[in-house]
Amino acid sequence: MNFAEKAVTQLFIATDQQDWDKIEKIFDDQVVLDYSSMNGNPATTLTPQAITDAWKGILPGFSHTHHQLGNMISTIEGGTAEVFCYGTATHYLEDEGGNVWTVVGTYDFELELKEEAWKVTKMKFNFKYQDGNTSLPQKAIEKVTQ
């Protein structure tokens, strides 16, 4: 695993640990975030804090999250890198309709080497499918806002 791939892996580990400060340090000052294939919203450029603020509005509502990455392919040229990987995100919250919501897809990352650290400048999720209790995200959001 090279250092760009390690930064991507650390991003997802920090997400599952809800280590918001670490996540913000892995992101560059401005990040293109693109989940359009899943939610239909256009890609947008955000600060790391805006990203973690959004994630704080849902992820703590789950009892557990588990992001699993694999099949990483990276290209590094000088101070830039592209990382492709498979991703499966499992979200757990006890509910009569089912305890698990799983999202599967791939990711395309762009990173830049800044001050000897790889920083994510673009994160694009390529949605394949979801399974399980699709009402869990709304329940997690409600749990966070209570």
Protein backbone atom coordinates (compact mmCIF):
# COMPACT_ATOMS: atom_id res chain seq x y z
CA MET A 1 0.00 0.00 0.00
CA ASN A 2 1.43 3.38 -0.97
CA PHE A 3 0.95 6.57 1.05
CA ALA A 4 -1.92 7.88 -1.10
CA GLU A 5 -3.83 4.61 -0.60
CA LYS A 6 -3.01 4.78 3.11
CA ALA A 7 -4.59 8.26 3.32
CA VAL A 8 -7.80 6.93 1.72
CA THR A 9 -7.85 3.96 4.10
CA GLN A 10 -7.27 6.24 7.10
CA LEU A 11 -10.15 8.45 5.95
CA PHE A 12 -12.62 5.58 6.22
CA ILE A 13 -11.20 4.26 9.49
CA ALA A 14 -11.49 7.75 10.98
CA THR A 15 -15.05 7.97 9.66
CA ASP A 16 -16.06 4.75 11.43
CA GLN A 17 -14.34 6.02 14.59
CA GLN A 18 -16.04 9.42 14.17
CA ASP A 19 -12.65 11.07 14.56
CA TRP A 20 -13.74 14.31 12.93
CA ASP A 21 -10.41 16.12 13.50
CA LYS A 22 -8.46 13.36 11.77
CA ILE A 23 -10.90 13.34 8.84
CA GLU A 24 -10.51 17.09 8.41
CA LYS A 25 -6.70 16.72 8.37
CA ILE A 26 -6.86 14.11 5.58
CA PHE A 27 -8.94 16.43 3.40
CA ASP A 28 -7.42 19.40 1.57
CA ASP A 29 -8.71 22.94 2.29
CA GLN A 30 -11.31 22.54 -0.49
CA VAL A 31 -12.71 19.15 -1.54
CA VAL A 32 -14.90 18.25 -4.49
CA LEU A 33 -17.44 15.84 -3.00
CA ASP A 34 -19.56 13.92 -5.50
CA TYR A 35 -22.30 11.52 -4.42
CA SER A 36 -24.46 12.39 -7.46
CA SER A 37 -24.73 8.78 -8.62
CA MET A 38 -26.48 7.92 -5.35
CA ASN A 39 -28.47 11.00 -4.39
CA GLY A 40 -28.85 12.96 -7.63
CA ASN A 41 -27.30 16.10 -6.13
CA PRO A 42 -24.51 17.68 -8.20
CA ALA A 43 -20.90 17.55 -7.07
CA THR A 44 -19.98 20.41 -4.79
CA THR A 45 -16.81 21.92 -3.39
CA LEU A 46 -16.74 21.99 0.40
CA THR A 47 -14.38 22.65 3.28
CA PRO A 48 -13.37 19.71 5.45
CA GLN A 49 -15.46 21.14 8.31
CA ALA A 50 -18.55 21.39 6.09
CA ILE A 51 -18.12 17.73 5.18
CA THR A 52 -17.70 16.57 8.77
CA ASP A 53 -20.60 18.79 9.91
CA ALA A 54 -22.83 16.98 7.40
CA TRP A 55 -21.55 13.57 8.45
CA LYS A 56 -22.10 14.46 12.12
CA GLY A 57 -25.77 14.91 11.24
CA ILE A 58 -26.23 11.21 10.42
CA LEU A 59 -23.33 8.89 11.31
CA PRO A 60 -23.57 9.21 15.12
CA GLY A 61 -27.22 8.11 14.80
CA PHE A 62 -26.11 4.61 13.84
CA SER A 63 -24.96 2.21 16.55
CA HIS A 64 -22.10 1.16 14.26
CA THR A 65 -20.75 1.87 10.78
CA HIS A 66 -18.23 -0.23 8.90
CA HIS A 67 -16.55 0.92 5.71
CA GLN A 68 -14.62 -1.80 3.90
CA LEU A 69 -12.31 -0.94 1.00
CA GLY A 70 -10.59 -3.17 -1.51
CA ASN A 71 -9.21 -3.59 -5.00
CA MET A 72 -7.21 -0.38 -4.79
CA ILE A 73 -5.53 0.88 -7.91
CA SER A 74 -3.48 4.04 -7.77
CA THR A 75 -1.54 6.24 -10.13
CA ILE A 76 1.00 8.66 -8.70
CA GLU A 77 2.66 11.34 -10.78
CA GLY A 78 4.84 13.74 -8.85
CA GLY A 79 2.71 15.46 -6.24
CA THR A 80 -0.67 14.18 -7.46
CA ALA A 81 -2.36 10.83 -7.12
CA GLU A 82 -5.52 9.10 -8.26
CA VAL A 83 -6.88 6.21 -6.20
CA PHE A 84 -9.70 3.91 -7.30
CA CYS A 85 -11.22 1.41 -4.90
CA TYR A 86 -14.25 -0.71 -4.18
CA GLY A 87 -16.25 0.31 -1.13
CA THR A 88 -18.93 -1.29 1.00
CA ALA A 89 -20.50 0.70 3.81
CA THR A 90 -22.54 -1.19 6.38
CA HIS A 91 -24.64 0.81 8.83
CA TYR A 92 -26.20 -0.82 11.91
CA LEU A 93 -29.12 0.47 13.97
CA GLU A 94 -31.61 -1.77 15.76
CA ASP A 95 -35.01 -1.43 14.09
CA GLU A 96 -38.06 -3.63 13.63
CA GLY A 97 -37.72 -3.22 9.85
CA GLY A 98 -34.19 -4.62 9.87
CA ASN A 99 -30.98 -3.59 11.58
CA VAL A 100 -28.67 -3.11 8.60
CA TRP A 101 -28.43 -0.75 5.62
CA THR A 102 -25.62 -1.50 3.19
CA VAL A 103 -24.36 0.67 0.34
CA VAL A 104 -21.99 -0.70 -2.31
CA GLY A 105 -20.03 1.10 -5.00
CA THR A 106 -16.63 2.33 -6.05
CA TYR A 107 -14.70 5.49 -5.30
CA ASP A 108 -12.48 7.74 -7.38
CA PHE A 109 -10.15 9.87 -5.29
CA GLU A 110 -7.77 12.63 -6.27
CA LEU A 111 -5.03 13.62 -3.85
CA GLU A 112 -2.22 16.14 -3.68
CA LEU A 113 1.00 15.92 -1.73
CA LYS A 114 1.18 18.93 0.58
CA GLU A 115 3.74 19.39 3.35
CA GLU A 116 4.69 15.71 3.11
CA ALA A 117 1.09 14.48 3.56
CA TRP A 118 -1.38 13.26 0.94
CA LYS A 119 -4.55 15.36 1.04
CA VAL A 120 -7.83 14.32 -0.57
CA THR A 121 -8.93 16.99 -3.06
CA LYS A 122 -11.75 15.01 -4.72
CA MET A 123 -13.94 12.15 -3.52
CA LYS A 124 -16.40 10.67 -6.00
CA PHE A 125 -18.69 7.78 -5.07
CA ASN A 126 -19.97 5.59 -7.90
CA PHE A 127 -23.15 3.97 -6.58
CA LYS A 128 -23.84 0.34 -7.52
CA TYR A 129 -26.62 -0.73 -5.16
CA GLN A 130 -28.01 -0.61 -1.66
CA ASP A 131 -29.64 -3.35 0.37
CA GLY A 132 -31.35 -3.81 3.69
CA ASN A 133 -33.48 -1.34 5.61
CA THR A 134 -33.38 1.85 3.54
CA SER A 135 -35.35 3.72 6.21
CA LEU A 136 -32.37 3.57 8.61
CA PRO A 137 -30.68 6.77 7.34
CA GLN A 138 -33.74 8.85 8.23
CA LYS A 139 -33.99 7.13 11.62
CA ALA A 140 -30.29 7.85 12.26
CA ILE A 141 -30.79 11.54 11.38
CA GLU A 142 -33.79 11.70 13.75
CA LYS A 143 -31.75 10.06 16.50
CA VAL A 144 -28.98 12.67 16.11
CA THR A 145 -31.43 15.59 16.27
CA GLN A 146 -33.23 14.35 19.39
